[in-house]
Amino acid sequence: MPKMAAKHKARIDTPNGPRVCFEARIERKNRKPLVARFGGIPLQRQRTARIADREPARVDYPQKELIARLLADTCEICGSKGNVQVHHVRALADLAHAGRQPSDWARVMLHRRRKTVVACDTCHDRIHSERPARPLTQ
């Protein structure tokens, strides 16, 4: 047993008999000593104990805006319904290049201040065909 554990080992009386615990005691002049005890808890089954687990309160978080935009099932560029996908850019600053007019899909994203646009298959293919993707190493 390490010296520190042996130094602070104490035996206390409990209603269930004597127990061994860790006790740190600081003696003070003209005052009661400061005592901190760890352990000494009887580990016996209490047959009359009742478990009172409560159901946690359910917190409804509002749906994310992107989910609502997808559930609308409408292309945000041309307005057609059905079979939509999300196009994502790394940063809005990439869309507004100096000296170049942004395309219609880029204008929608800049106007909404969103890095995503919900687009139909046709518009999404047009987005990728007019502008090559940036390599990941850049």
N, C-alpha and C. Protein backbone atom coordinates (compact mmCIF):
# COMPACT_ATOMS: atom_id res chain seq x y z
N MET A 1 0.85 -1.18 0.00
CA MET A 1 0.00 0.00 0.00
C MET A 1 0.90 1.24 0.00
N PRO A 2 0.65 2.20 -0.89
CA PRO A 2 1.46 3.42 -0.92
C PRO A 2 1.37 4.18 0.40
N LYS A 3 2.42 4.96 0.67
CA LYS A 3 2.49 5.70 1.93
C LYS A 3 1.32 6.65 2.11
N MET A 4 0.94 7.35 1.04
CA MET A 4 -0.15 8.33 1.12
C MET A 4 -1.47 7.65 1.50
N ALA A 5 -1.75 6.50 0.91
CA ALA A 5 -2.99 5.78 1.22
C ALA A 5 -2.96 5.28 2.65
N ALA A 6 -1.82 4.80 3.10
CA ALA A 6 -1.71 4.31 4.47
C ALA A 6 -1.85 5.46 5.47
N LYS A 7 -1.33 6.61 5.13
CA LYS A 7 -1.39 7.77 6.02
C LYS A 7 -2.82 8.24 6.24
N HIS A 8 -3.64 8.19 5.20
CA HIS A 8 -5.01 8.73 5.27
C HIS A 8 -6.08 7.65 5.44
N LYS A 9 -5.68 6.41 5.65
CA LYS A 9 -6.65 5.34 5.84
C LYS A 9 -7.31 5.51 7.21
N ALA A 10 -8.64 5.42 7.22
CA ALA A 10 -9.37 5.58 8.47
C ALA A 10 -10.49 4.57 8.55
N ARG A 11 -10.88 4.22 9.76
CA ARG A 11 -11.99 3.30 9.99
C ARG A 11 -13.08 4.10 10.70
N ILE A 12 -14.28 4.13 10.09
CA ILE A 12 -15.38 4.88 10.68
C ILE A 12 -16.53 3.93 10.99
N ASP A 13 -17.34 4.32 11.96
CA ASP A 13 -18.52 3.54 12.32
C ASP A 13 -19.71 4.04 11.52
N THR A 14 -20.44 3.11 10.92
CA THR A 14 -21.65 3.42 10.18
C THR A 14 -22.79 2.60 10.78
N PRO A 15 -24.04 2.88 10.43
CA PRO A 15 -25.15 2.07 10.93
C PRO A 15 -25.03 0.59 10.54
N ASN A 16 -24.28 0.29 9.49
CA ASN A 16 -24.09 -1.09 9.03
C ASN A 16 -22.78 -1.70 9.53
N GLY A 17 -22.14 -1.06 10.48
CA GLY A 17 -20.89 -1.57 11.01
C GLY A 17 -19.72 -0.71 10.58
N PRO A 18 -18.52 -1.04 11.03
CA PRO A 18 -17.34 -0.24 10.70
C PRO A 18 -16.97 -0.37 9.22
N ARG A 19 -16.51 0.71 8.64
CA ARG A 19 -16.09 0.76 7.23
C ARG A 19 -14.74 1.46 7.13
N VAL A 20 -13.99 1.08 6.11
CA VAL A 20 -12.70 1.71 5.85
C VAL A 20 -12.91 2.81 4.81
N CYS A 21 -12.27 3.97 5.03
CA CYS A 21 -12.40 5.07 4.08
C CYS A 21 -11.09 5.84 4.02
N PHE A 22 -11.03 6.78 3.13
CA PHE A 22 -9.90 7.71 2.98
C PHE A 22 -10.32 8.99 3.69
N GLU A 23 -9.52 9.43 4.66
CA GLU A 23 -9.89 10.62 5.43
C GLU A 23 -8.72 11.58 5.46
N ALA A 24 -8.97 12.81 4.99
CA ALA A 24 -7.97 13.88 5.06
C ALA A 24 -8.40 14.80 6.18
N ARG A 25 -7.50 15.07 7.10
CA ARG A 25 -7.83 15.87 8.28
C ARG A 25 -6.79 16.98 8.43
N ILE A 26 -7.28 18.21 8.62
CA ILE A 26 -6.41 19.36 8.88
C ILE A 26 -6.77 19.89 10.27
N GLU A 27 -5.81 19.79 11.18
CA GLU A 27 -6.02 20.28 12.55
C GLU A 27 -5.87 21.79 12.56
N ARG A 28 -6.74 22.48 13.34
CA ARG A 28 -6.70 23.94 13.46
C ARG A 28 -6.75 24.32 14.93
N LYS A 29 -6.07 25.41 15.28
CA LYS A 29 -6.04 25.87 16.67
C LYS A 29 -7.40 26.45 17.06
N ASN A 30 -7.88 26.08 18.20
CA ASN A 30 -9.10 26.61 18.79
C ASN A 30 -10.34 26.41 17.90
N ARG A 31 -10.28 25.50 16.96
CA ARG A 31 -11.42 25.23 16.08
C ARG A 31 -11.50 23.75 15.81
N LYS A 32 -12.64 23.32 15.31
CA LYS A 32 -12.78 21.92 14.93
C LYS A 32 -11.91 21.65 13.71
N PRO A 33 -11.37 20.45 13.61
CA PRO A 33 -10.54 20.14 12.43
C PRO A 33 -11.39 20.05 11.17
N LEU A 34 -10.76 20.36 10.04
CA LEU A 34 -11.41 20.19 8.75
C LEU A 34 -11.25 18.72 8.35
N VAL A 35 -12.35 18.06 8.01
CA VAL A 35 -12.30 16.64 7.69
C VAL A 35 -13.00 16.40 6.36
N ALA A 36 -12.35 15.67 5.49
CA ALA A 36 -12.95 15.26 4.22
C ALA A 36 -12.81 13.75 4.14
N ARG A 37 -13.94 13.07 3.91
CA ARG A 37 -13.93 11.61 3.83
C ARG A 37 -14.37 11.16 2.45
N PHE A 38 -13.70 10.14 1.97
CA PHE A 38 -14.06 9.52 0.70
C PHE A 38 -14.20 8.03 0.94
N GLY A 39 -15.35 7.48 0.61
CA GLY A 39 -15.59 6.07 0.84
C GLY A 39 -16.40 5.88 2.11
N GLY A 40 -16.36 4.68 2.65
CA GLY A 40 -17.11 4.39 3.85
C GLY A 40 -18.59 4.22 3.61
N ILE A 41 -18.99 4.10 2.37
CA ILE A 41 -20.41 3.97 2.03
C ILE A 41 -20.76 2.48 2.02
N PRO A 42 -21.79 2.10 2.74
CA PRO A 42 -22.17 0.68 2.72
C PRO A 42 -22.76 0.32 1.37
N LEU A 43 -22.24 -0.72 0.78
CA LEU A 43 -22.73 -1.17 -0.52
C LEU A 43 -23.64 -2.38 -0.30
N GLN A 44 -24.82 -2.11 0.22
CA GLN A 44 -25.78 -3.16 0.46
C GLN A 44 -27.04 -2.88 -0.33
N ARG A 45 -27.70 -3.93 -0.73
CA ARG A 45 -28.94 -3.79 -1.49
C ARG A 45 -30.04 -3.29 -0.57
N GLN A 46 -30.78 -2.31 -1.06
CA GLN A 46 -31.93 -1.79 -0.31
C GLN A 46 -33.18 -2.33 -0.99
N ARG A 47 -33.83 -3.29 -0.38
CA ARG A 47 -34.98 -3.93 -1.00
C ARG A 47 -36.17 -2.99 -1.12
N THR A 48 -36.25 -1.97 -0.30
CA THR A 48 -37.40 -1.06 -0.33
C THR A 48 -37.15 0.17 -1.20
N ALA A 49 -35.98 0.25 -1.80
CA ALA A 49 -35.66 1.42 -2.63
C ALA A 49 -36.52 1.41 -3.89
N ARG A 50 -36.96 2.59 -4.29
CA ARG A 50 -37.76 2.73 -5.51
C ARG A 50 -36.99 3.57 -6.52
N ILE A 51 -37.05 3.14 -7.75
CA ILE A 51 -36.39 3.89 -8.82
C ILE A 51 -37.39 4.90 -9.34
N ALA A 52 -36.98 6.16 -9.36
CA ALA A 52 -37.87 7.23 -9.82
C ALA A 52 -37.28 7.89 -11.05
N ASP A 53 -37.11 7.10 -12.13
CA ASP A 53 -36.61 7.68 -13.38
C ASP A 53 -37.74 8.42 -14.05
N ARG A 54 -37.45 9.63 -14.45
CA ARG A 54 -38.46 10.43 -15.15
C ARG A 54 -38.12 10.48 -16.62
N GLU A 55 -39.15 10.58 -17.42
CA GLU A 55 -38.97 10.74 -18.86
C GLU A 55 -38.41 12.14 -19.11
N PRO A 56 -37.28 12.26 -19.79
CA PRO A 56 -36.75 13.60 -20.04
C PRO A 56 -37.70 14.40 -20.92
N ALA A 57 -37.73 15.69 -20.69
CA ALA A 57 -38.60 16.56 -21.48
C ALA A 57 -38.11 16.58 -22.92
N ARG A 58 -39.00 16.36 -23.84
CA ARG A 58 -38.64 16.34 -25.26
C ARG A 58 -38.56 17.77 -25.76
N VAL A 59 -37.45 18.07 -26.39
CA VAL A 59 -37.24 19.40 -26.95
C VAL A 59 -37.36 19.27 -28.46
N ASP A 60 -38.30 19.97 -29.04
CA ASP A 60 -38.44 19.96 -30.49
C ASP A 60 -37.59 21.07 -31.08
N TYR A 61 -36.59 20.67 -31.82
CA TYR A 61 -35.76 21.65 -32.50
C TYR A 61 -36.37 21.94 -33.86
N PRO A 62 -36.38 23.18 -34.26
CA PRO A 62 -36.94 23.47 -35.58
C PRO A 62 -36.09 22.82 -36.67
N GLN A 63 -36.76 22.47 -37.77
CA GLN A 63 -36.01 21.86 -38.87
C GLN A 63 -35.03 22.86 -39.45
N LYS A 64 -33.95 22.33 -39.93
CA LYS A 64 -32.97 23.17 -40.58
C LYS A 64 -33.56 23.73 -41.87
N GLU A 65 -33.11 24.90 -42.24
CA GLU A 65 -33.64 25.57 -43.43
C GLU A 65 -33.42 24.73 -44.68
N LEU A 66 -32.26 24.09 -44.78
CA LEU A 66 -31.96 23.31 -45.97
C LEU A 66 -32.94 22.15 -46.13
N ILE A 67 -33.33 21.54 -45.02
CA ILE A 67 -34.29 20.43 -45.09
C ILE A 67 -35.63 20.94 -45.61
N ALA A 68 -36.06 22.10 -45.12
CA ALA A 68 -37.32 22.66 -45.59
C ALA A 68 -37.24 23.00 -47.08
N ARG A 69 -36.07 23.48 -47.53
CA ARG A 69 -35.91 23.82 -48.95
C ARG A 69 -35.94 22.55 -49.81
N LEU A 70 -35.36 21.47 -49.31
CA LEU A 70 -35.39 20.20 -50.04
C LEU A 70 -36.80 19.62 -50.08
N LEU A 71 -37.51 19.72 -48.96
CA LEU A 71 -38.87 19.18 -48.91
C LEU A 71 -39.82 19.95 -49.82
N ALA A 72 -39.49 21.20 -50.15
CA ALA A 72 -40.32 21.97 -51.08
C ALA A 72 -40.26 21.36 -52.47
N ASP A 73 -39.19 20.59 -52.79
CA ASP A 73 -39.05 19.88 -54.05
C ASP A 73 -39.16 20.80 -55.26
N THR A 74 -38.58 22.00 -55.14
CA THR A 74 -38.64 22.99 -56.21
C THR A 74 -37.23 23.50 -56.49
N CYS A 75 -36.88 23.58 -57.76
CA CYS A 75 -35.58 24.12 -58.16
C CYS A 75 -35.56 25.61 -57.86
N GLU A 76 -34.55 26.08 -57.16
CA GLU A 76 -34.46 27.49 -56.79
C GLU A 76 -33.92 28.34 -57.94
N ILE A 77 -33.48 27.71 -59.02
CA ILE A 77 -32.94 28.45 -60.16
C ILE A 77 -34.01 28.65 -61.23
N CYS A 78 -34.63 27.55 -61.67
CA CYS A 78 -35.62 27.67 -62.75
C CYS A 78 -37.06 27.50 -62.27
N GLY A 79 -37.27 27.01 -61.05
CA GLY A 79 -38.62 26.87 -60.49
C GLY A 79 -39.33 25.58 -60.84
N SER A 80 -38.66 24.64 -61.52
CA SER A 80 -39.32 23.38 -61.87
C SER A 80 -39.48 22.51 -60.63
N LYS A 81 -40.47 21.62 -60.67
CA LYS A 81 -40.79 20.75 -59.53
C LYS A 81 -40.20 19.36 -59.75
N GLY A 82 -39.82 18.71 -58.65
CA GLY A 82 -39.43 17.30 -58.67
C GLY A 82 -37.97 17.04 -58.92
N ASN A 83 -37.48 15.96 -58.31
CA ASN A 83 -36.13 15.45 -58.50
C ASN A 83 -35.06 16.53 -58.34
N VAL A 84 -34.94 17.07 -57.13
CA VAL A 84 -33.97 18.14 -56.88
C VAL A 84 -32.75 17.60 -56.15
N GLN A 85 -31.66 18.32 -56.28
CA GLN A 85 -30.39 18.00 -55.62
C GLN A 85 -29.85 19.28 -55.01
N VAL A 86 -28.87 19.14 -54.13
CA VAL A 86 -28.26 20.32 -53.52
C VAL A 86 -26.87 20.51 -54.11
N HIS A 87 -26.60 21.73 -54.56
CA HIS A 87 -25.27 22.09 -55.01
C HIS A 87 -24.63 22.92 -53.90
N HIS A 88 -23.37 22.63 -53.58
CA HIS A 88 -22.69 23.27 -52.47
C HIS A 88 -21.36 23.84 -52.95
N VAL A 89 -21.01 25.03 -52.48
CA VAL A 89 -19.70 25.61 -52.76
C VAL A 89 -18.96 25.76 -51.44
N ARG A 90 -17.63 25.84 -51.53
CA ARG A 90 -16.82 25.94 -50.30
C ARG A 90 -16.99 27.29 -49.63
N ALA A 91 -17.05 28.35 -50.42
CA ALA A 91 -17.17 29.69 -49.85
C ALA A 91 -17.91 30.59 -50.83
N LEU A 92 -18.71 31.50 -50.30
CA LEU A 92 -19.44 32.43 -51.16
C LEU A 92 -18.48 33.36 -51.90
N ALA A 93 -17.34 33.61 -51.32
CA ALA A 93 -16.36 34.49 -51.96
C ALA A 93 -15.87 33.89 -53.28
N ASP A 94 -15.92 32.57 -53.42
CA ASP A 94 -15.51 31.93 -54.67
C ASP A 94 -16.45 32.28 -55.82
N LEU A 95 -17.70 32.65 -55.51
CA LEU A 95 -18.70 32.92 -56.55
C LEU A 95 -18.53 34.30 -57.16
N ALA A 96 -18.08 35.26 -56.40
CA ALA A 96 -18.00 36.64 -56.88
C ALA A 96 -16.57 36.97 -57.29
N HIS A 97 -16.15 36.46 -58.43
CA HIS A 97 -14.81 36.76 -58.92
C HIS A 97 -14.78 38.17 -59.49
N ALA A 98 -13.68 38.85 -59.27
CA ALA A 98 -13.54 40.22 -59.77
C ALA A 98 -13.52 40.23 -61.29
N GLY A 99 -14.31 41.12 -61.87
CA GLY A 99 -14.33 41.29 -63.32
C GLY A 99 -15.17 40.26 -64.05
N ARG A 100 -15.83 39.37 -63.36
CA ARG A 100 -16.65 38.37 -64.02
C ARG A 100 -18.07 38.42 -63.45
N GLN A 101 -19.04 38.44 -64.32
CA GLN A 101 -20.44 38.50 -63.91
C GLN A 101 -20.87 37.12 -63.41
N PRO A 102 -21.45 37.01 -62.19
CA PRO A 102 -21.87 35.69 -61.71
C PRO A 102 -23.04 35.14 -62.54
N SER A 103 -23.07 33.83 -62.72
CA SER A 103 -24.15 33.20 -63.47
C SER A 103 -25.43 33.21 -62.64
N ASP A 104 -26.54 32.73 -63.24
CA ASP A 104 -27.84 32.80 -62.57
C ASP A 104 -27.85 32.01 -61.26
N TRP A 105 -27.24 30.83 -61.22
CA TRP A 105 -27.23 30.05 -59.99
C TRP A 105 -26.37 30.71 -58.92
N ALA A 106 -25.27 31.33 -59.32
CA ALA A 106 -24.41 32.02 -58.37
C ALA A 106 -25.12 33.24 -57.80
N ARG A 107 -25.90 33.94 -58.65
CA ARG A 107 -26.67 35.10 -58.16
C ARG A 107 -27.68 34.68 -57.11
N VAL A 108 -28.33 33.53 -57.32
CA VAL A 108 -29.30 33.02 -56.34
C VAL A 108 -28.60 32.77 -55.00
N MET A 109 -27.43 32.14 -55.04
CA MET A 109 -26.71 31.84 -53.81
C MET A 109 -26.22 33.11 -53.13
N LEU A 110 -25.72 34.06 -53.92
CA LEU A 110 -25.24 35.32 -53.33
C LEU A 110 -26.38 36.13 -52.75
N HIS A 111 -27.53 36.13 -53.43
CA HIS A 111 -28.68 36.88 -52.95
C HIS A 111 -29.19 36.31 -51.62
N ARG A 112 -29.21 34.98 -51.51
CA ARG A 112 -29.69 34.33 -50.29
C ARG A 112 -28.62 34.26 -49.21
N ARG A 113 -27.37 34.53 -49.58
CA ARG A 113 -26.23 34.40 -48.67
C ARG A 113 -26.14 32.98 -48.13
N ARG A 114 -26.24 32.02 -49.03
CA ARG A 114 -26.17 30.61 -48.67
C ARG A 114 -25.14 29.91 -49.56
N LYS A 115 -24.42 28.96 -48.98
CA LYS A 115 -23.44 28.19 -49.75
C LYS A 115 -24.08 27.03 -50.47
N THR A 116 -25.40 26.90 -50.36
CA THR A 116 -26.11 25.81 -51.02
C THR A 116 -27.23 26.37 -51.88
N VAL A 117 -27.54 25.62 -52.94
CA VAL A 117 -28.70 25.94 -53.77
C VAL A 117 -29.36 24.62 -54.15
N VAL A 118 -30.69 24.57 -54.04
CA VAL A 118 -31.44 23.38 -54.42
C VAL A 118 -31.75 23.52 -55.90
N ALA A 119 -31.26 22.55 -56.69
CA ALA A 119 -31.38 22.64 -58.15
C ALA A 119 -31.91 21.33 -58.72
N CYS A 120 -32.65 21.46 -59.83
CA CYS A 120 -33.13 20.26 -60.54
C CYS A 120 -31.94 19.62 -61.26
N ASP A 121 -32.16 18.43 -61.81
CA ASP A 121 -31.07 17.71 -62.49
C ASP A 121 -30.47 18.53 -63.63
N THR A 122 -31.32 19.18 -64.41
CA THR A 122 -30.86 19.95 -65.57
C THR A 122 -29.98 21.12 -65.12
N CYS A 123 -30.47 21.89 -64.16
CA CYS A 123 -29.70 23.05 -63.68
C CYS A 123 -28.41 22.60 -62.99
N HIS A 124 -28.46 21.50 -62.27
CA HIS A 124 -27.27 21.02 -61.57
C HIS A 124 -26.21 20.57 -62.57
N ASP A 125 -26.64 19.90 -63.64
CA ASP A 125 -25.69 19.51 -64.68
C ASP A 125 -25.10 20.73 -65.36
N ARG A 126 -25.92 21.76 -65.59
CA ARG A 126 -25.44 23.00 -66.22
C ARG A 126 -24.40 23.70 -65.32
N ILE A 127 -24.63 23.68 -64.02
CA ILE A 127 -23.69 24.30 -63.07
C ILE A 127 -22.33 23.62 -63.20
N HIS A 128 -22.31 22.30 -63.23
CA HIS A 128 -21.04 21.59 -63.28
C HIS A 128 -20.39 21.62 -64.65
N SER A 129 -21.17 21.80 -65.70
CA SER A 129 -20.57 21.82 -67.03
C SER A 129 -19.95 23.18 -67.35
N GLU A 130 -20.47 24.26 -66.79
CA GLU A 130 -19.92 25.60 -67.12
C GLU A 130 -18.73 25.98 -66.27
N ARG A 131 -18.53 25.32 -65.14
CA ARG A 131 -17.45 25.72 -64.24
C ARG A 131 -16.77 24.48 -63.70
N PRO A 132 -15.51 24.25 -64.04
CA PRO A 132 -14.81 23.06 -63.55
C PRO A 132 -14.62 23.13 -62.03
N ALA A 133 -14.65 22.00 -61.39
CA ALA A 133 -14.46 21.95 -59.93
C ALA A 133 -13.01 22.24 -59.60
N ARG A 134 -12.81 22.93 -58.47
CA ARG A 134 -11.46 23.22 -58.00
C ARG A 134 -10.82 21.95 -57.44
N PRO A 135 -9.56 21.72 -57.73
CA PRO A 135 -8.92 20.52 -57.16
C PRO A 135 -8.81 20.66 -55.64
N LEU A 136 -8.80 19.52 -54.94
CA LEU A 136 -8.75 19.54 -53.49
C LEU A 136 -7.41 20.02 -52.94
N THR A 137 -6.36 19.97 -53.78
CA THR A 137 -5.02 20.36 -53.31
C THR A 137 -4.80 21.84 -53.34
N GLN A 138 -5.75 22.59 -53.86
CA GLN A 138 -5.57 24.04 -54.00
C GLN A 138 -5.96 24.77 -52.75
